[in-house]
Amino acid sequence: MNKLITLLAISLYLVGSLLLPETKAMAQQLANSAPQRIETSALRSKRAEDLFNLRSTHYTVKDINGKEYKLDELIASGKIILIDFSTLDCKACWELHKSGALEKLYAKYGPQGTQQIEVFWVEAKGAEKSKIQTPNKDWSKDSQGKPVPYAICSDEHMCASLGIYETAYPILILVGAGNKAIDCSDEVRTTDPDFKAFGSLLDLFIKKEDKPQDVSFSGVTDLYVGETHTMRLSYATAAPVTKVVWTAPEGVTLEKVSDTEYKMTATKIGSYNIKVTVTNANGSTTSQVPVTVSKPIVTYPFICNMDAKDKLDKGWRSIDHDGDGFGFDSFMGKGLVGRLDLDPEDYTEQGAEKSADCLISWGTFLPMLAQDTPEGVHFKGANNVVPNNELRSAPLEIPADAVKPTFFCYIKAYLYDKDKENSLKVCASELNGKPVELLVQKVGDSWTQISADLSAYKGKTILLSLIPEIKGSSAILVDQLQVSTDGSTDVQTPTFSIQTTLYPNPATDYVTIRTTVGSTIELYAADGTKLSTRQATSEETLMTLAQLPAGRYLVQISSPDGEVICRSLVIQ
């Protein structure tokens, strides 16, 4: 059976197969046990927190007779949409079709009933009409041979456009205002003739009489003086919006693109709140997002080891242009290990120079489930992802007297596909200017250091951009990002016995040192003066730096076995 999953990794019950929440233990249980029928009454009641965000509901779908349906218009009219994504070769899909559940729901909650829902059956592989209507297996007819009352469609792009990715058919979801959706697999399959649990799901969605809800923002909130970024607004409402008002304090200026999109320019260092009030006929809702504005990077070398799980080092931002919720993410966290609940002990020293972590950006394949096999961990997930991610630096003021300003980092392919040519593009742009391509580097199956000469930008403020170009099922790993002013690309490598990581680096108020318990940690100034001594009583030691001036320092770690390692630390 074909496998499908949404970006939010919904747990789906299937007739003939069972997809459990994403853990290795559950995957093993799946392999060793036979599926059994689960009734809705045995499941916990779903709440508003179970609603998840789709990428968009701005989509037009055609039925097999050519009639068009605009999802946004149906939702704006107050309807909730029930979609059954099925495929012709899926036994579970055919069993559901023969059960008549969709016809019963249509009769109870559709145009001839309470008028709350519209129903669509969608062949998710784009099969031809003739194949959908074969005489011995006609999906457009009910079990009595009569035409079904709901729309029969064939659309291979609809899942991905809404933000739903492959792991197990059929997918049954309800879609409502504000791009909100919820898995309704069990509620459709219930043996309850009154479909009470399904009716409860309808109550979770916003109604015509509600004021705007779920007002939220997306965009970069860690700004630097002189930068311009786009901030986007989303909200949920079933009643037409009459007014949207954005406000920003001095220090941040706003330029309107549309009611839901503004360009935001940082003008003054500080912390600010961007506020938006959304109004419909039923009332107004106000929400705000905090943004910080910092000065550009002026201290070099600018070193970012990317070893803090699920947190990029300050000075770099992950830009998720495609809005799928994934960009340059922590390998040990959201990028893979943490998201799929893998054992961290199986993924130590994944970063360049055997460091604790790195960043990962996926290509056309996005793993959503990990299963243990005799050959190792096997990933299942989405194969129809269209990635558009960027790793962008803070503004970098390149000194006019720099000897040889240079950017360098390490790159590597994960799930290397030798039949596909994948690469990483490195670009530079003057502040808010047009990017210039510095190099395009092929990505292989081992860590490789790449570098780009920034001499053309002496005396200028620039942004660096790293853009993956992935044609296969691989991902690209990026680690140990640095900018130096003298062309130096030295990386201080920890020894095998002293596994040492400093983060963030550069640091401001504090630095966390991850090393062997029992090690002695000493901090030295650039002139060799010893400033402090600490004993590592746990795997992580927090060292306060707020009282120290900006500059370059040296951290010396001595293990209980007598080995010594030195690491450079930059304080901004």
Protein backbone atom coordinates (compact mmCIF):
# COMPACT_ATOMS: atom_id res chain seq x y z
CA MET A 1 0.00 0.00 0.00
CA ASN A 2 1.22 3.50 -0.77
CA LYS A 3 2.27 5.52 2.23
CA LEU A 4 1.32 9.13 3.03
CA ILE A 5 1.59 11.65 5.87
CA THR A 6 0.95 15.32 6.50
CA LEU A 7 3.67 17.74 7.54
CA LEU A 8 2.28 17.60 11.03
CA ALA A 9 2.78 13.83 11.11
CA ILE A 10 -0.83 12.96 11.85
CA SER A 11 -1.47 9.45 13.14
CA LEU A 12 -3.84 7.74 10.68
CA TYR A 13 -5.82 4.50 11.11
CA LEU A 14 -5.95 2.42 7.96
CA VAL A 15 -8.02 -0.62 7.07
CA GLY A 16 -5.28 -3.14 6.33
CA SER A 17 -2.44 -1.07 7.78
CA LEU A 18 -1.68 1.02 10.81
CA LEU A 19 0.49 4.11 11.07
CA LEU A 20 1.51 4.83 14.66
CA PRO A 21 3.17 7.94 16.10
CA GLU A 22 6.75 8.24 14.97
CA THR A 23 8.95 6.23 17.33
CA LYS A 24 11.27 3.32 16.62
CA ALA A 25 9.57 1.23 19.27
CA MET A 26 6.19 1.72 17.65
CA ALA A 27 7.61 1.02 14.21
CA GLN A 28 8.89 -2.31 15.55
CA GLN A 29 5.49 -3.01 17.10
CA LEU A 30 3.91 -2.31 13.72
CA ALA A 31 6.16 -4.91 12.12
CA ASN A 32 5.32 -7.57 14.71
CA SER A 33 1.60 -7.23 15.24
CA ALA A 34 -1.55 -7.50 13.16
CA PRO A 35 -3.74 -4.40 12.82
CA GLN A 36 -7.05 -4.36 14.62
CA ARG A 37 -10.18 -2.28 14.23
CA ILE A 38 -10.19 0.89 16.32
CA GLU A 39 -13.51 2.54 17.01
CA THR A 40 -13.82 6.27 17.53
CA SER A 41 -15.41 5.73 20.93
CA ALA A 42 -12.12 4.23 22.14
CA LEU A 43 -10.11 7.27 21.14
CA ARG A 44 -9.67 10.49 23.03
CA SER A 45 -11.87 13.39 22.00
CA LYS A 46 -10.13 15.81 19.70
CA ARG A 47 -9.78 19.44 20.63
CA ALA A 48 -8.91 22.72 18.94
CA GLU A 49 -5.22 22.01 19.67
CA ASP A 50 -5.43 19.10 17.21
CA LEU A 51 -6.12 21.46 14.32
CA PHE A 52 -3.03 22.00 12.18
CA ASN A 53 -2.06 24.53 9.54
CA LEU A 54 -2.12 23.69 5.86
CA ARG A 55 0.24 25.49 3.51
CA SER A 56 -2.70 27.12 1.72
CA THR A 57 -6.34 26.60 0.76
CA HIS A 58 -6.04 28.90 -2.26
CA TYR A 59 -6.61 26.07 -4.71
CA THR A 60 -8.99 25.21 -7.54
CA VAL A 61 -9.85 21.56 -8.11
CA LYS A 62 -11.77 20.11 -11.08
CA ASP A 63 -14.04 17.11 -10.94
CA ILE A 64 -13.80 14.44 -13.64
CA ASN A 65 -16.52 16.23 -15.65
CA GLY A 66 -14.61 19.52 -15.74
CA LYS A 67 -16.53 21.48 -13.07
CA GLU A 68 -14.26 23.74 -11.01
CA TYR A 69 -14.41 24.26 -7.25
CA LYS A 70 -12.44 27.01 -5.51
CA LEU A 71 -11.65 25.86 -1.99
CA ASP A 72 -11.18 29.37 -0.59
CA GLU A 73 -14.58 30.46 -1.92
CA LEU A 74 -16.30 27.46 -0.36
CA ILE A 75 -14.60 28.16 2.97
CA ALA A 76 -15.46 31.87 2.75
CA SER A 77 -19.11 30.88 2.36
CA GLY A 78 -18.89 29.17 5.75
CA LYS A 79 -18.41 25.59 4.54
CA ILE A 80 -16.03 23.00 6.02
CA ILE A 81 -14.53 20.70 3.39
CA LEU A 82 -14.17 16.94 3.82
CA ILE A 83 -11.51 15.50 1.49
CA ASP A 84 -10.85 11.81 0.91
CA PHE A 85 -7.45 11.39 -0.79
CA SER A 86 -7.41 7.86 -2.23
CA THR A 87 -5.69 5.88 -4.97
CA LEU A 88 -7.04 3.24 -7.34
CA ASP A 89 -4.56 0.59 -6.20
CA CYS A 90 -5.31 1.03 -2.48
CA LYS A 91 -7.43 -1.76 -0.97
CA ALA A 92 -8.19 0.27 2.16
CA CYS A 93 -9.46 3.13 -0.03
CA TRP A 94 -11.85 0.82 -1.89
CA GLU A 95 -13.14 -0.71 1.36
CA LEU A 96 -13.88 2.78 2.66
CA HIS A 97 -15.63 3.68 -0.60
CA LYS A 98 -17.84 0.58 -0.48
CA SER A 99 -18.80 1.31 3.15
CA GLY A 100 -20.85 4.31 2.05
CA ALA A 101 -19.45 6.51 4.84
CA LEU A 102 -18.98 9.55 2.59
CA GLU A 103 -22.56 9.28 1.27
CA LYS A 104 -23.91 9.11 4.82
CA LEU A 105 -21.88 12.12 5.92
CA TYR A 106 -22.95 14.05 2.84
CA ALA A 107 -26.61 13.29 3.60
CA LYS A 108 -26.30 14.31 7.27
CA TYR A 109 -24.00 17.36 7.08
CA GLY A 110 -23.99 18.30 3.38
CA PRO A 111 -26.26 20.49 1.22
CA GLN A 112 -29.33 18.33 1.85
CA GLY A 113 -28.62 18.13 5.61
CA THR A 114 -27.17 20.74 7.96
CA GLN A 115 -25.30 22.38 5.04
CA GLN A 116 -22.04 22.45 7.02
CA ILE A 117 -19.75 20.53 4.69
CA GLU A 118 -18.75 19.94 1.08
CA VAL A 119 -17.27 16.55 0.19
CA PHE A 120 -14.52 15.72 -2.33
CA TRP A 121 -13.14 12.33 -3.29
CA VAL A 122 -9.72 12.88 -4.87
CA GLU A 123 -7.65 10.29 -6.77
CA ALA A 124 -4.26 11.46 -5.51
CA LYS A 125 -2.16 10.05 -8.35
CA GLY A 126 -4.03 11.83 -11.13
CA ALA A 127 -5.62 8.74 -12.71
CA GLU A 128 -7.62 9.15 -15.91
CA LYS A 129 -11.42 9.36 -15.76
CA SER A 130 -11.77 6.08 -17.66
CA LYS A 131 -9.76 4.24 -15.01
CA ILE A 132 -11.77 5.78 -12.17
CA GLN A 133 -14.97 4.60 -13.85
CA THR A 134 -14.08 1.05 -14.88
CA PRO A 135 -17.23 -1.15 -15.01
CA ASN A 136 -16.09 -3.57 -12.30
CA LYS A 137 -14.73 -0.85 -9.99
CA ASP A 138 -16.48 2.45 -10.56
CA TRP A 139 -15.52 4.98 -7.88
CA SER A 140 -18.20 7.41 -9.09
CA LYS A 141 -20.96 4.95 -8.06
CA ASP A 142 -22.07 3.90 -4.59
CA SER A 143 -22.49 0.30 -3.42
CA GLN A 144 -25.97 0.23 -5.00
CA GLY A 145 -24.65 1.35 -8.38
CA LYS A 146 -26.07 4.88 -8.06
CA PRO A 147 -23.95 8.03 -8.75
CA VAL A 148 -22.35 9.37 -5.57
CA PRO A 149 -23.64 12.83 -4.59
CA TYR A 150 -20.22 14.39 -3.99
CA ALA A 151 -17.50 15.53 -6.39
CA ILE A 152 -15.15 12.90 -7.86
CA CYS A 153 -11.79 14.46 -8.76
CA SER A 154 -8.39 13.38 -10.02
CA ASP A 155 -5.48 15.59 -8.99
CA GLU A 156 -1.89 14.53 -8.31
CA HIS A 157 -0.84 18.02 -7.16
CA MET A 158 -3.54 18.84 -4.62
CA CYS A 159 -1.90 17.08 -1.64
CA ALA A 160 1.40 18.92 -2.01
CA SER A 161 -0.29 22.27 -2.74
CA LEU A 162 -2.23 22.06 0.50
CA GLY A 163 0.89 20.91 2.38
CA ILE A 164 0.13 17.21 2.78
CA TYR A 165 2.88 14.69 2.06
CA GLU A 166 3.02 10.98 1.43
CA THR A 167 2.87 8.14 3.96
CA ALA A 168 -0.46 6.27 3.99
CA TYR A 169 -3.66 6.30 1.93
CA PRO A 170 -6.46 7.03 2.34
CA ILE A 171 -5.99 10.45 3.90
CA LEU A 172 -9.18 11.89 5.37
CA ILE A 173 -9.10 15.51 6.49
CA LEU A 174 -11.49 18.32 7.28
CA VAL A 175 -10.44 21.78 6.08
CA GLY A 176 -11.83 25.09 7.34
CA ALA A 177 -11.14 28.80 7.70
CA GLY A 178 -7.62 30.06 8.27
CA ASN A 179 -5.95 27.11 6.46
CA LYS A 180 -6.91 24.93 9.42
CA ALA A 181 -7.36 21.18 9.06
CA ILE A 182 -7.79 18.08 11.18
CA ASP A 183 -7.43 14.34 10.60
CA CYS A 184 -10.89 12.74 10.60
CA SER A 185 -9.97 9.14 9.66
CA ASP A 186 -11.45 7.46 12.73
CA GLU A 187 -14.48 9.73 12.89
CA VAL A 188 -15.40 8.80 9.29
CA ARG A 189 -14.86 5.06 9.87
CA THR A 190 -16.93 4.87 13.04
CA THR A 191 -19.75 2.32 13.33
CA ASP A 192 -21.85 5.00 15.05
CA PRO A 193 -24.73 5.66 12.59
CA ASP A 194 -25.16 9.20 13.94
CA PHE A 195 -21.48 10.18 13.42
CA LYS A 196 -21.48 12.08 16.74
CA ALA A 197 -17.68 12.27 16.90
CA PHE A 198 -17.56 13.67 13.37
CA GLY A 199 -20.08 16.33 14.35
CA SER A 200 -17.87 17.29 17.29
CA LEU A 201 -15.00 17.92 14.89
CA LEU A 202 -17.10 20.44 12.98
CA ASP A 203 -17.54 22.43 16.18
CA LEU A 204 -13.75 22.96 16.36
CA PHE A 205 -13.73 25.18 13.28
CA ILE A 206 -14.43 28.90 13.20
CA LYS A 207 -17.98 29.91 12.39
CA LYS A 208 -19.55 32.89 10.62
CA GLU A 209 -20.43 34.54 13.95
CA ASP A 210 -16.87 34.39 15.34
CA LYS A 211 -14.44 37.29 15.38
CA PRO A 212 -10.98 36.70 13.82
CA GLN A 213 -8.90 34.05 15.58
CA ASP A 214 -5.39 32.62 15.49
CA VAL A 215 -3.79 35.89 14.41
CA SER A 216 -0.10 35.05 13.95
CA PHE A 217 3.03 36.08 12.09
CA SER A 218 5.76 34.46 10.02
CA GLY A 219 9.08 35.98 9.06
CA VAL A 220 12.47 36.93 10.44
CA THR A 221 12.26 38.52 13.89
CA ASP A 222 16.02 38.69 14.61
CA LEU A 223 16.92 41.83 12.65
CA TYR A 224 20.02 43.94 12.15
CA VAL A 225 20.21 47.69 11.54
CA GLY A 226 19.56 48.51 7.88
CA GLU A 227 17.99 45.17 6.98
CA THR A 228 14.62 44.77 5.29
CA HIS A 229 12.60 41.57 5.67
CA THR A 230 9.05 40.56 4.83
CA MET A 231 6.61 39.86 7.66
CA ARG A 232 3.46 37.89 6.79
CA LEU A 233 0.19 37.72 8.71
CA SER A 234 -2.23 34.81 8.96
CA TYR A 235 -5.56 34.54 10.73
CA ALA A 236 -8.70 32.42 10.75
CA THR A 237 -12.13 33.88 10.05
CA ALA A 238 -15.33 32.71 8.39
CA ALA A 239 -16.77 36.23 8.19
CA PRO A 240 -15.26 38.75 5.74
CA VAL A 241 -12.47 40.90 7.18
CA THR A 242 -13.30 44.61 7.12
CA LYS A 243 -10.02 46.09 8.35
CA VAL A 244 -6.39 45.14 9.05
CA VAL A 245 -4.19 47.66 10.89
CA TRP A 246 -0.42 47.23 11.41
CA THR A 247 1.56 49.40 13.85
CA ALA A 248 5.26 49.53 14.68
CA PRO A 249 7.21 51.73 17.14
CA GLU A 250 10.15 53.95 16.27
CA GLY A 251 13.09 51.72 15.42
CA VAL A 252 11.20 49.64 12.86
CA THR A 253 9.47 51.01 9.77
CA LEU A 254 6.74 49.21 7.84
CA GLU A 255 5.97 49.36 4.12
CA LYS A 256 2.66 47.85 3.01
CA VAL A 257 2.65 45.17 0.31
CA SER A 258 -0.85 43.93 1.15
CA ASP A 259 -3.09 43.65 4.21
CA THR A 260 -1.30 40.42 5.14
CA GLU A 261 2.24 41.31 4.08
CA TYR A 262 4.54 44.19 5.04
CA LYS A 263 8.20 44.92 4.43
CA MET A 264 9.89 45.62 7.76
CA THR A 265 13.09 47.69 7.94
CA ALA A 266 15.20 47.88 11.09
CA THR A 267 16.49 51.39 11.83
CA LYS A 268 17.54 51.41 15.49
CA ILE A 269 19.04 48.88 17.94
CA GLY A 270 16.53 47.62 20.50
CA SER A 271 13.56 45.32 21.14
CA TYR A 272 10.15 46.15 19.67
CA ASN A 273 6.64 44.78 19.22
CA ILE A 274 4.88 44.76 15.86
CA LYS A 275 1.11 44.84 16.42
CA VAL A 276 -1.74 43.95 14.09
CA THR A 277 -5.49 44.30 14.64
CA VAL A 278 -7.81 42.26 12.41
CA THR A 279 -11.51 43.20 12.32
CA ASN A 280 -14.61 41.54 10.91
CA ALA A 281 -18.34 42.15 11.49
CA ASN A 282 -18.17 40.30 14.81
CA GLY A 283 -15.29 42.16 16.42
CA SER A 284 -11.53 42.70 16.45
CA THR A 285 -8.53 40.65 17.50
CA THR A 286 -5.09 42.11 18.20
CA SER A 287 -1.84 40.20 18.25
CA GLN A 288 1.82 41.18 18.39
CA VAL A 289 5.23 39.74 17.60
CA PRO A 290 8.46 40.79 19.33
CA VAL A 291 11.44 41.68 17.13
CA THR A 292 15.00 42.53 18.11
CA VAL A 293 17.35 44.82 16.21
CA SER A 294 21.10 44.37 16.65
CA LYS A 295 24.18 45.99 15.16
CA PRO A 296 25.85 44.25 12.19
CA ILE A 297 28.71 41.77 12.73
CA VAL A 298 31.99 43.68 13.14
CA THR A 299 34.20 41.28 15.13
CA TYR A 300 36.25 38.65 13.30
CA PRO A 301 36.77 35.79 12.99
CA PHE A 302 33.00 35.31 12.97
CA ILE A 303 32.61 31.64 13.96
CA CYS A 304 29.38 29.63 14.12
CA ASN A 305 29.75 25.93 14.95
CA MET A 306 25.99 25.21 14.87
CA ASP A 307 26.15 22.79 17.79
CA ALA A 308 23.13 24.03 19.78
CA LYS A 309 20.23 21.65 19.15
CA ASP A 310 17.29 23.34 17.39
CA LYS A 311 18.86 26.77 17.70
CA LEU A 312 20.93 28.47 15.03
CA ASP A 313 23.95 30.42 16.24
CA LYS A 314 23.23 34.13 16.37
CA GLY A 315 24.13 35.74 13.09
CA TRP A 316 22.48 33.18 10.80
CA ARG A 317 18.80 32.77 9.89
CA SER A 318 16.95 29.93 8.17
CA ILE A 319 14.61 31.30 5.50
CA ASP A 320 11.77 28.90 4.67
CA HIS A 321 10.65 30.40 1.34
CA ASP A 322 8.30 27.53 0.47
CA GLY A 323 6.46 27.76 3.79
CA ASP A 324 6.50 24.02 4.46
CA GLY A 325 7.82 24.46 8.01
CA PHE A 326 11.28 23.06 7.23
CA GLY A 327 14.43 24.93 6.25
CA PHE A 328 17.97 24.67 7.58
CA ASP A 329 17.29 22.79 10.79
CA SER A 330 19.33 21.09 13.51
CA PHE A 331 20.30 17.57 12.42
CA MET A 332 20.00 16.33 16.02
CA GLY A 333 16.67 18.10 16.50
CA LYS A 334 13.88 19.11 14.14
CA GLY A 335 15.93 18.31 11.06
CA LEU A 336 15.94 14.56 11.69
CA VAL A 337 16.89 12.86 14.98
CA GLY A 338 14.59 14.70 17.39
CA ARG A 339 11.68 14.91 14.97
CA LEU A 340 11.67 11.17 14.25
CA ASP A 341 12.48 10.22 17.87
CA LEU A 342 15.68 8.43 16.87
CA ASP A 343 18.23 7.37 19.48
CA PRO A 344 20.76 10.24 19.79
CA GLU A 345 23.44 7.73 20.78
CA ASP A 346 23.28 6.34 17.24
CA TYR A 347 24.01 9.76 15.75
CA THR A 348 26.93 11.16 17.74
CA GLU A 349 29.69 13.18 16.05
CA GLN A 350 27.54 13.81 12.97
CA GLY A 351 28.94 17.29 12.39
CA ALA A 352 32.12 18.29 10.60
CA GLU A 353 35.29 17.62 12.60
CA LYS A 354 33.23 15.15 14.69
CA SER A 355 31.23 17.99 16.25
CA ALA A 356 27.96 17.46 18.13
CA ASP A 357 25.53 18.82 15.55
CA CYS A 358 25.14 20.52 12.18
CA LEU A 359 22.40 21.92 9.94
CA ILE A 360 20.41 19.90 7.42
CA SER A 361 18.24 21.02 4.50
CA TRP A 362 16.16 18.36 2.74
CA GLY A 363 15.56 18.12 -0.99
CA THR A 364 12.64 16.47 -2.76
CA PHE A 365 12.38 13.77 -0.08
CA LEU A 366 11.30 14.57 3.48
CA PRO A 367 11.49 11.65 5.95
CA MET A 368 8.49 11.44 8.26
CA LEU A 369 8.87 7.93 9.68
CA ALA A 370 11.88 5.80 10.69
CA GLN A 371 11.71 2.01 10.88
CA ASP A 372 14.37 -0.42 12.08
CA THR A 373 15.28 -3.08 9.53
CA PRO A 374 18.03 -5.73 9.48
CA GLU A 375 19.93 -3.45 7.10
CA GLY A 376 19.57 -0.43 9.39
CA VAL A 377 17.10 2.43 9.79
CA HIS A 378 14.76 2.84 6.82
CA PHE A 379 13.11 6.22 6.23
CA LYS A 380 9.65 6.70 4.77
CA GLY A 381 8.08 10.01 3.93
CA ALA A 382 7.21 12.52 1.26
CA ASN A 383 8.64 12.22 -2.25
CA ASN A 384 6.88 15.20 -3.81
CA VAL A 385 8.43 18.05 -1.83
CA VAL A 386 9.46 21.16 -3.77
CA PRO A 387 12.16 22.68 -1.54
CA ASN A 388 13.05 26.36 -1.47
CA ASN A 389 15.28 27.10 1.52
CA GLU A 390 18.03 29.59 2.28
CA LEU A 391 20.56 30.05 5.07
CA ARG A 392 21.22 33.78 5.35
CA SER A 393 23.79 35.62 7.44
CA ALA A 394 23.42 38.77 9.47
CA PRO A 395 24.86 41.91 7.85
CA LEU A 396 28.67 41.63 7.88
CA GLU A 397 30.75 44.82 7.89
CA ILE A 398 33.87 43.77 6.01
CA PRO A 399 36.83 45.94 7.14
CA ALA A 400 38.37 48.07 4.41
CA ASP A 401 41.85 47.03 5.57
CA ALA A 402 41.11 43.30 5.69
CA VAL A 403 43.99 41.27 4.24
CA LYS A 404 41.84 38.61 2.59
CA PRO A 405 38.24 38.41 3.83
CA THR A 406 37.02 34.85 3.33
CA PHE A 407 33.91 32.83 4.02
CA PHE A 408 34.21 29.09 4.53
CA CYS A 409 32.19 26.19 5.81
CA TYR A 410 31.90 22.42 5.59
CA ILE A 411 29.29 20.65 3.43
CA LYS A 412 28.24 17.05 2.92
CA ALA A 413 25.36 15.09 1.38
CA TYR A 414 23.13 12.97 3.61
CA LEU A 415 21.46 9.93 2.01
CA TYR A 416 23.91 10.50 -0.83
CA ASP A 417 22.45 9.87 -4.29
CA LYS A 418 25.35 9.32 -6.68
CA ASP A 419 23.02 9.40 -9.69
CA LYS A 420 21.92 12.97 -8.97
CA GLU A 421 24.10 16.06 -9.01
CA ASN A 422 23.40 18.14 -5.91
CA SER A 423 25.14 21.38 -5.07
CA LEU A 424 25.24 24.34 -2.70
CA LYS A 425 25.22 27.87 -4.08
CA VAL A 426 26.96 30.62 -2.09
CA CYS A 427 25.90 34.20 -2.82
CA ALA A 428 26.74 37.64 -1.44
CA SER A 429 24.74 40.85 -1.66
CA GLU A 430 25.17 44.35 -0.40
CA LEU A 431 22.56 45.27 2.18
CA ASN A 432 19.10 44.89 0.56
CA GLY A 433 20.83 44.55 -2.82
CA LYS A 434 20.79 41.88 -5.52
CA PRO A 435 22.62 38.61 -4.69
CA VAL A 436 25.80 37.83 -6.62
CA GLU A 437 26.81 34.20 -7.08
CA LEU A 438 30.24 33.52 -5.59
CA LEU A 439 30.42 29.78 -6.22
CA VAL A 440 28.37 26.65 -6.86
CA GLN A 441 29.90 23.61 -5.17
CA LYS A 442 28.97 19.99 -5.87
CA VAL A 443 28.14 18.08 -2.69
CA GLY A 444 29.63 14.63 -2.10
CA ASP A 445 29.32 11.96 0.54
CA SER A 446 32.13 13.20 2.81
CA TRP A 447 32.71 16.44 4.66
CA THR A 448 34.37 19.00 2.36
CA GLN A 449 35.49 22.48 3.26
CA ILE A 450 34.53 25.15 0.74
CA SER A 451 35.54 28.81 0.72
CA ALA A 452 34.62 32.05 -1.03
CA ASP A 453 36.81 35.12 -1.41
CA LEU A 454 35.07 38.28 -0.13
CA SER A 455 37.82 40.72 -1.15
CA ALA A 456 35.48 42.49 -3.57
CA TYR A 457 33.42 43.61 -0.57
CA LYS A 458 36.11 45.33 1.51
CA GLY A 459 34.65 48.36 3.25
CA LYS A 460 31.08 47.22 2.52
CA THR A 461 28.24 45.65 4.48
CA ILE A 462 27.06 42.39 2.96
CA LEU A 463 24.77 39.42 3.47
CA LEU A 464 25.82 35.86 2.67
CA SER A 465 23.29 33.32 1.39
CA LEU A 466 23.62 29.54 1.15
CA ILE A 467 21.08 28.01 -1.21
CA PRO A 468 20.77 24.23 -1.73
CA GLU A 469 20.17 22.91 -5.22
CA ILE A 470 19.04 19.31 -4.63
CA LYS A 471 17.75 17.23 -7.51
CA GLY A 472 17.60 13.83 -5.81
CA SER A 473 16.45 12.37 -2.52
CA SER A 474 19.51 13.63 -0.63
CA ALA A 475 19.79 16.36 1.96
CA ILE A 476 22.66 18.81 2.37
CA LEU A 477 24.52 19.18 5.66
CA VAL A 478 26.25 22.47 6.51
CA ASP A 479 28.57 23.05 9.46
CA GLN A 480 31.39 25.16 10.94
CA LEU A 481 30.51 28.45 9.22
CA GLN A 482 33.20 31.11 9.56
CA VAL A 483 34.24 34.46 8.15
CA SER A 484 37.84 35.57 8.63
CA THR A 485 39.64 38.71 7.49
CA ASP A 486 43.00 37.12 6.75
CA GLY A 487 42.06 34.08 4.65
CA SER A 488 42.57 31.72 7.57
CA THR A 489 40.43 28.59 7.43
CA ASP A 490 41.86 26.80 10.44
CA VAL A 491 39.41 24.63 12.41
CA GLN A 492 40.33 23.57 15.92
CA THR A 493 39.46 19.89 16.10
CA PRO A 494 38.69 18.22 19.43
CA THR A 495 40.60 15.04 20.21
CA PHE A 496 38.78 11.73 20.41
CA SER A 497 39.02 11.58 24.21
CA ILE A 498 38.00 15.20 24.88
CA GLN A 499 34.77 15.82 22.99
CA THR A 500 34.52 19.59 23.37
CA THR A 501 31.98 22.05 21.99
CA LEU A 502 31.58 25.78 22.68
CA TYR A 503 28.30 27.53 21.84
CA PRO A 504 27.28 30.10 20.99
CA ASN A 505 30.54 31.29 19.44
CA PRO A 506 30.77 34.25 18.96
CA ALA A 507 29.13 34.80 22.34
CA THR A 508 27.76 37.80 24.23
CA ASP A 509 26.58 37.21 27.80
CA TYR A 510 27.48 33.54 28.26
CA VAL A 511 29.00 30.48 26.61
CA THR A 512 28.12 26.83 27.18
CA ILE A 513 31.04 24.40 27.18
CA ARG A 514 30.23 20.76 26.52
CA THR A 515 33.13 18.50 27.53
CA THR A 516 34.17 15.49 29.59
CA VAL A 517 33.00 15.51 33.21
CA GLY A 518 35.95 16.22 35.51
CA SER A 519 37.81 18.38 33.00
CA THR A 520 39.37 21.69 34.07
CA ILE A 521 38.19 24.69 32.05
CA GLU A 522 40.40 27.81 31.94
CA LEU A 523 39.64 31.08 30.21
CA TYR A 524 42.53 33.25 28.97
CA ALA A 525 42.68 36.76 27.52
CA ALA A 526 44.48 37.35 24.21
CA ASP A 527 47.63 38.45 26.11
CA GLY A 528 47.77 35.15 28.01
CA THR A 529 46.26 36.42 31.29
CA LYS A 530 44.23 33.71 33.02
CA LEU A 531 40.76 35.09 33.77
CA SER A 532 38.93 32.17 35.39
CA THR A 533 39.07 28.46 36.18
CA ARG A 534 36.08 26.10 36.34
CA GLN A 535 35.64 22.40 36.97
CA ALA A 536 33.25 20.50 34.67
CA THR A 537 30.86 18.80 37.11
CA SER A 538 28.43 17.85 34.31
CA GLU A 539 28.56 17.44 30.54
CA GLU A 540 27.67 21.13 30.07
CA THR A 541 29.24 24.05 31.92
CA LEU A 542 27.78 27.57 31.66
CA MET A 543 30.38 30.37 31.81
CA THR A 544 29.21 33.97 32.29
CA LEU A 545 30.89 36.55 30.03
CA ALA A 546 28.85 39.72 30.57
CA GLN A 547 31.66 41.46 32.50
CA LEU A 548 34.26 40.88 29.77
CA PRO A 549 34.98 43.30 26.90
CA ALA A 550 34.50 42.27 23.28
CA GLY A 551 37.44 40.51 21.72
CA ARG A 552 39.13 37.18 21.15
CA TYR A 553 39.81 34.78 24.03
CA LEU A 554 41.19 31.28 24.50
CA VAL A 555 39.46 28.41 26.34
CA GLN A 556 41.78 25.63 27.52
CA ILE A 557 40.27 22.31 28.57
CA SER A 558 42.35 19.71 30.41
CA SER A 559 40.86 16.23 30.73
CA PRO A 560 41.28 14.02 33.82
CA ASP A 561 43.68 11.94 31.70
CA GLY A 562 45.97 14.91 31.17
CA GLU A 563 45.07 15.71 27.54
CA VAL A 564 44.68 19.39 26.67
CA ILE A 565 42.68 21.11 23.95
CA CYS A 566 42.43 24.85 23.22
CA ARG A 567 39.47 26.51 21.55
CA SER A 568 39.13 30.08 20.35
CA LEU A 569 36.23 32.10 21.78
CA VAL A 570 35.00 35.40 20.37
CA ILE A 571 33.00 37.74 22.63
CA GLN A 572 30.90 40.41 20.91
